[in-house]
Amino acid sequence: MKTLGLIGGMSWESSAQYYRLINEAVRDRLGGAHSAQLLLWSVDFAGIKQLQHEGDWDALGTHMVDAAQRLQAGGAELLLICTNTMHALADRIESACRLPLLHIADPTATAIVRAGARRVGLLGTAFTMEQDFYRGRLEQRFGLEVLVPDAADRRCVHDIIYQELILGVVSETSRRRYAEVIARLTARGAEAIILGCTEIMLLVRPEDSAVPLFDTTSLHAIAAVDAALG
């Protein structure tokens, strides 16, 4: 079993799900008392969140490279960034750290293509929905057509993530608002919806969407187990 290195804490609410999903999958595959062999470097998200909203991606890159190098020094053999947004810095991390990086968009896109969908709706932070690092990878590497919500819906999705989900707040009102955003994406032709923020799986359920949901947290965690167990 390879040792996984997780950069977490963004937020710890979703990192806890990674830990659970990875260990459950290892136990299911190997049986008995087996669990995952992993290292977790969990950042203080308050400072990360502030830098994100200030647009200081250079400083954020320094934090992420430091985390990756700490995991490498600790003996990790495979790296995961346990957040979609911070994959904006994936190239910088890969250039500064020799560990292979399992990009969160890749197992997600692979699952979508396997399911036969081509036009997908993307939910996530404003950074993930609006910048090209994520949408571009889906489009250029996997041939997907990516739809994002309109400006008002993007703000709604983003604010619920940062004002509620990272704090562990899950409300029926917000669930209904997300379902409405999903319905509008579906009306525009989305054949599937990417839950492109690792906390959204805490809120949105399959019954909240008329089309299949692809949860990046679960797909990333299972891909990590696939890689760790070879």
Protein backbone atom coordinates (compact mmCIF):
# COMPACT_ATOMS: atom_id res chain seq x y z
CA MET A 1 0.00 0.00 0.00
CA LYS A 2 1.38 3.39 -0.98
CA THR A 3 1.35 6.16 1.59
CA LEU A 4 -1.05 8.93 0.62
CA GLY A 5 -0.22 12.55 1.40
CA LEU A 6 -3.28 14.76 1.88
CA ILE A 7 -3.21 18.55 1.91
CA GLY A 8 -6.34 19.26 3.92
CA GLY A 9 -8.10 21.72 6.16
CA MET A 10 -9.75 23.60 3.27
CA SER A 11 -12.07 23.09 5.01
CA TRP A 12 -11.60 20.43 7.67
CA GLU A 13 -15.29 19.56 7.20
CA SER A 14 -14.51 18.04 3.81
CA SER A 15 -11.10 16.70 4.87
CA ALA A 16 -12.91 14.61 7.49
CA GLN A 17 -14.98 13.12 4.66
CA TYR A 18 -11.79 12.27 2.74
CA TYR A 19 -10.43 10.45 5.77
CA ARG A 20 -13.65 8.49 6.21
CA LEU A 21 -14.10 7.64 2.51
CA ILE A 22 -10.50 6.55 1.99
CA ASN A 23 -10.45 4.34 5.07
CA GLU A 24 -13.84 2.80 4.30
CA ALA A 25 -12.70 1.94 0.79
CA VAL A 26 -9.46 0.34 1.99
CA ARG A 27 -11.37 -1.69 4.59
CA ASP A 28 -13.92 -2.82 1.99
CA ARG A 29 -11.22 -3.94 -0.43
CA LEU A 30 -8.75 -5.55 1.96
CA GLY A 31 -11.15 -6.63 4.69
CA GLY A 32 -10.61 -7.17 8.38
CA ALA A 33 -8.93 -4.38 10.32
CA HIS A 34 -7.23 -2.83 7.29
CA SER A 35 -7.15 0.95 7.01
CA ALA A 36 -5.34 3.48 4.87
CA GLN A 37 -1.71 4.40 5.24
CA LEU A 38 -1.71 8.19 4.94
CA LEU A 39 -0.34 11.51 6.13
CA LEU A 40 -2.51 14.61 6.50
CA TRP A 41 -1.20 18.16 6.60
CA SER A 42 -4.15 20.31 7.66
CA VAL A 43 -3.81 24.07 7.24
CA ASP A 44 -5.50 26.83 9.22
CA PHE A 45 -8.21 27.76 6.74
CA ALA A 46 -8.83 31.26 8.08
CA GLY A 47 -5.64 32.59 6.53
CA ILE A 48 -6.15 30.64 3.30
CA LYS A 49 -9.69 31.96 2.92
CA GLN A 50 -8.50 35.54 3.39
CA LEU A 51 -5.76 35.18 0.78
CA GLN A 52 -8.23 33.61 -1.67
CA HIS A 53 -10.58 36.55 -1.44
CA GLU A 54 -7.69 39.02 -1.63
CA GLY A 55 -6.55 37.30 -4.81
CA ASP A 56 -3.05 36.64 -3.45
CA TRP A 57 -2.40 33.41 -5.31
CA ASP A 58 1.35 33.80 -5.01
CA ALA A 59 1.15 33.62 -1.23
CA LEU A 60 -1.31 30.75 -1.48
CA GLY A 61 1.14 28.91 -3.71
CA THR A 62 3.83 29.29 -1.08
CA HIS A 63 1.53 27.72 1.52
CA MET A 64 0.61 24.82 -0.77
CA VAL A 65 4.19 24.09 -1.78
CA ASP A 66 5.21 24.11 1.88
CA ALA A 67 2.46 21.61 2.69
CA ALA A 68 3.43 19.35 -0.21
CA GLN A 69 7.10 19.38 0.76
CA ARG A 70 6.25 18.57 4.37
CA LEU A 71 4.27 15.53 3.21
CA GLN A 72 7.09 14.48 0.91
CA ALA A 73 9.59 14.73 3.77
CA GLY A 74 7.25 12.68 5.94
CA GLY A 75 7.24 9.76 3.52
CA ALA A 76 4.16 10.31 1.37
CA GLU A 77 4.28 8.67 -2.06
CA LEU A 78 1.22 10.21 -3.71
CA LEU A 79 -0.22 13.69 -3.23
CA LEU A 80 -3.84 14.85 -2.98
CA ILE A 81 -5.08 18.43 -2.62
CA CYS A 82 -8.35 17.97 -0.73
CA THR A 83 -10.10 20.94 -2.33
CA ASN A 84 -11.09 21.84 -5.87
CA THR A 85 -10.24 25.55 -5.65
CA MET A 86 -6.60 25.09 -4.69
CA HIS A 87 -6.00 23.02 -7.81
CA ALA A 88 -5.50 26.45 -9.35
CA LEU A 89 -1.97 25.95 -7.98
CA ALA A 90 -1.53 22.34 -9.10
CA ASP A 91 1.16 23.20 -11.67
CA ARG A 92 3.20 25.13 -9.12
CA ILE A 93 2.96 22.31 -6.60
CA GLU A 94 3.99 19.72 -9.19
CA SER A 95 7.01 21.78 -10.22
CA ALA A 96 8.20 22.15 -6.61
CA CYS A 97 7.51 18.63 -5.35
CA ARG A 98 8.53 15.30 -6.87
CA LEU A 99 5.45 13.45 -5.63
CA PRO A 100 2.87 12.51 -8.29
CA LEU A 101 -0.28 14.59 -7.87
CA LEU A 102 -3.70 13.03 -8.34
CA HIS A 103 -5.70 15.92 -9.83
CA ILE A 104 -9.29 16.06 -8.56
CA ALA A 105 -10.75 16.91 -11.97
CA ASP A 106 -9.39 13.77 -13.65
CA PRO A 107 -11.34 10.99 -11.88
CA THR A 108 -14.40 13.24 -12.01
CA ALA A 109 -14.17 13.74 -15.75
CA THR A 110 -13.36 10.07 -16.33
CA ALA A 111 -16.53 9.05 -14.49
CA ILE A 112 -18.62 11.54 -16.47
CA VAL A 113 -17.28 10.35 -19.81
CA ARG A 114 -17.82 6.74 -18.80
CA ALA A 115 -21.43 7.59 -17.97
CA GLY A 116 -21.91 9.01 -21.46
CA ALA A 117 -22.49 12.67 -20.52
CA ARG A 118 -20.82 15.47 -22.46
CA ARG A 119 -22.49 18.69 -21.32
CA VAL A 120 -22.06 19.23 -17.58
CA GLY A 121 -23.01 21.88 -15.06
CA LEU A 122 -20.30 22.96 -12.62
CA LEU A 123 -20.95 24.10 -9.06
CA GLY A 124 -18.14 25.31 -6.82
CA THR A 125 -16.52 28.40 -5.42
CA ALA A 126 -16.47 31.48 -7.63
CA PHE A 127 -12.79 30.75 -8.26
CA THR A 128 -13.54 27.26 -9.58
CA MET A 129 -16.55 28.30 -11.63
CA GLU A 130 -15.03 31.44 -13.14
CA GLN A 131 -11.32 30.71 -13.62
CA ASP A 132 -9.99 28.48 -16.39
CA PHE A 133 -7.80 26.09 -14.37
CA TYR A 134 -10.69 23.70 -13.77
CA ARG A 135 -13.10 24.25 -16.64
CA GLY A 136 -10.21 24.31 -19.10
CA ARG A 137 -8.92 20.95 -17.93
CA LEU A 138 -12.37 19.37 -18.32
CA GLU A 139 -12.82 20.85 -21.78
CA GLN A 140 -9.34 20.38 -23.21
CA ARG A 141 -8.38 17.01 -21.76
CA PHE A 142 -11.76 15.29 -21.71
CA GLY A 143 -13.84 17.05 -24.37
CA LEU A 144 -16.58 18.11 -21.98
CA GLU A 145 -18.76 21.16 -22.46
CA VAL A 146 -18.94 22.96 -19.13
CA LEU A 147 -21.86 25.17 -18.11
CA VAL A 148 -21.69 27.44 -15.07
CA PRO A 149 -24.54 29.24 -13.34
CA ASP A 150 -25.28 32.86 -14.13
CA ALA A 151 -23.71 35.61 -12.00
CA ALA A 152 -26.44 35.71 -9.35
CA ASP A 153 -26.47 31.93 -8.97
CA ARG A 154 -22.68 31.80 -8.83
CA ARG A 155 -22.73 34.27 -5.96
CA CYS A 156 -25.40 32.21 -4.17
CA VAL A 157 -23.42 28.97 -4.55
CA HIS A 158 -20.17 30.64 -3.45
CA ASP A 159 -21.66 32.39 -0.42
CA ILE A 160 -23.32 29.24 0.90
CA ILE A 161 -19.96 27.45 0.72
CA TYR A 162 -18.05 30.14 2.61
CA GLN A 163 -20.76 31.29 5.01
CA GLU A 164 -22.24 27.90 5.87
CA LEU A 165 -20.67 24.69 4.58
CA ILE A 166 -17.08 25.33 5.70
CA LEU A 167 -18.55 25.93 9.17
CA GLY A 168 -20.52 22.69 9.12
CA VAL A 169 -23.87 24.45 8.68
CA VAL A 170 -26.31 22.48 6.50
CA SER A 171 -29.71 24.12 6.02
CA GLU A 172 -32.82 23.09 4.13
CA THR A 173 -33.11 26.62 2.75
CA SER A 174 -29.67 26.39 1.17
CA ARG A 175 -30.42 22.89 -0.11
CA ARG A 176 -33.48 24.25 -1.91
CA ARG A 177 -31.47 27.13 -3.35
CA TYR A 178 -28.86 24.74 -4.72
CA ALA A 179 -31.61 22.55 -6.17
CA GLU A 180 -32.99 25.60 -7.97
CA VAL A 181 -29.55 26.42 -9.40
CA ILE A 182 -29.19 22.81 -10.55
CA ALA A 183 -32.63 22.93 -12.18
CA ARG A 184 -31.66 26.05 -14.13
CA LEU A 185 -28.45 24.39 -15.35
CA THR A 186 -30.44 21.33 -16.36
CA ALA A 187 -32.90 23.52 -18.28
CA ARG A 188 -29.91 24.90 -20.21
CA GLY A 189 -28.95 21.39 -21.27
CA ALA A 190 -26.70 20.05 -18.52
CA GLU A 191 -26.73 16.25 -18.64
CA ALA A 192 -24.94 15.94 -15.30
CA ILE A 193 -23.82 18.18 -12.44
CA ILE A 194 -20.34 18.33 -10.95
CA LEU A 195 -20.28 19.03 -7.22
CA GLY A 196 -17.04 20.91 -7.72
CA CYS A 197 -16.42 21.97 -4.15
CA THR A 198 -15.53 19.31 -1.62
CA GLU A 199 -18.11 20.57 0.90
CA ILE A 200 -21.12 20.48 -1.44
CA MET A 201 -21.57 16.75 -0.86
CA LEU A 202 -22.58 17.66 2.70
CA LEU A 203 -25.59 19.56 1.35
CA VAL A 204 -26.77 18.24 -2.02
CA ARG A 205 -28.38 14.81 -2.35
CA PRO A 206 -29.18 12.76 -5.47
CA GLU A 207 -32.87 13.56 -5.07
CA ASP A 208 -32.07 17.28 -5.37
CA SER A 209 -31.23 16.87 -9.06
CA ALA A 210 -33.04 15.50 -12.10
CA VAL A 211 -29.69 14.55 -13.67
CA PRO A 212 -26.78 12.54 -12.22
CA LEU A 213 -24.49 14.20 -9.67
CA PHE A 214 -20.75 13.67 -9.71
CA ASP A 215 -19.27 14.31 -6.28
CA THR A 216 -15.62 15.28 -6.59
CA THR A 217 -14.85 14.41 -2.96
CA SER A 218 -15.96 10.79 -3.27
CA LEU A 219 -14.48 10.29 -6.73
CA HIS A 220 -11.13 11.78 -5.69
CA ALA A 221 -10.99 9.66 -2.53
CA ILE A 222 -11.76 6.42 -4.39
CA ALA A 223 -9.19 7.24 -7.08
CA ALA A 224 -6.64 7.73 -4.32
CA VAL A 225 -7.38 4.27 -2.96
CA ASP A 226 -7.10 2.81 -6.46
CA ALA A 227 -3.66 4.40 -6.80
CA ALA A 228 -2.52 3.45 -3.30
CA LEU A 229 -3.46 -0.21 -3.73
CA GLY A 230 -2.19 -0.43 -7.29
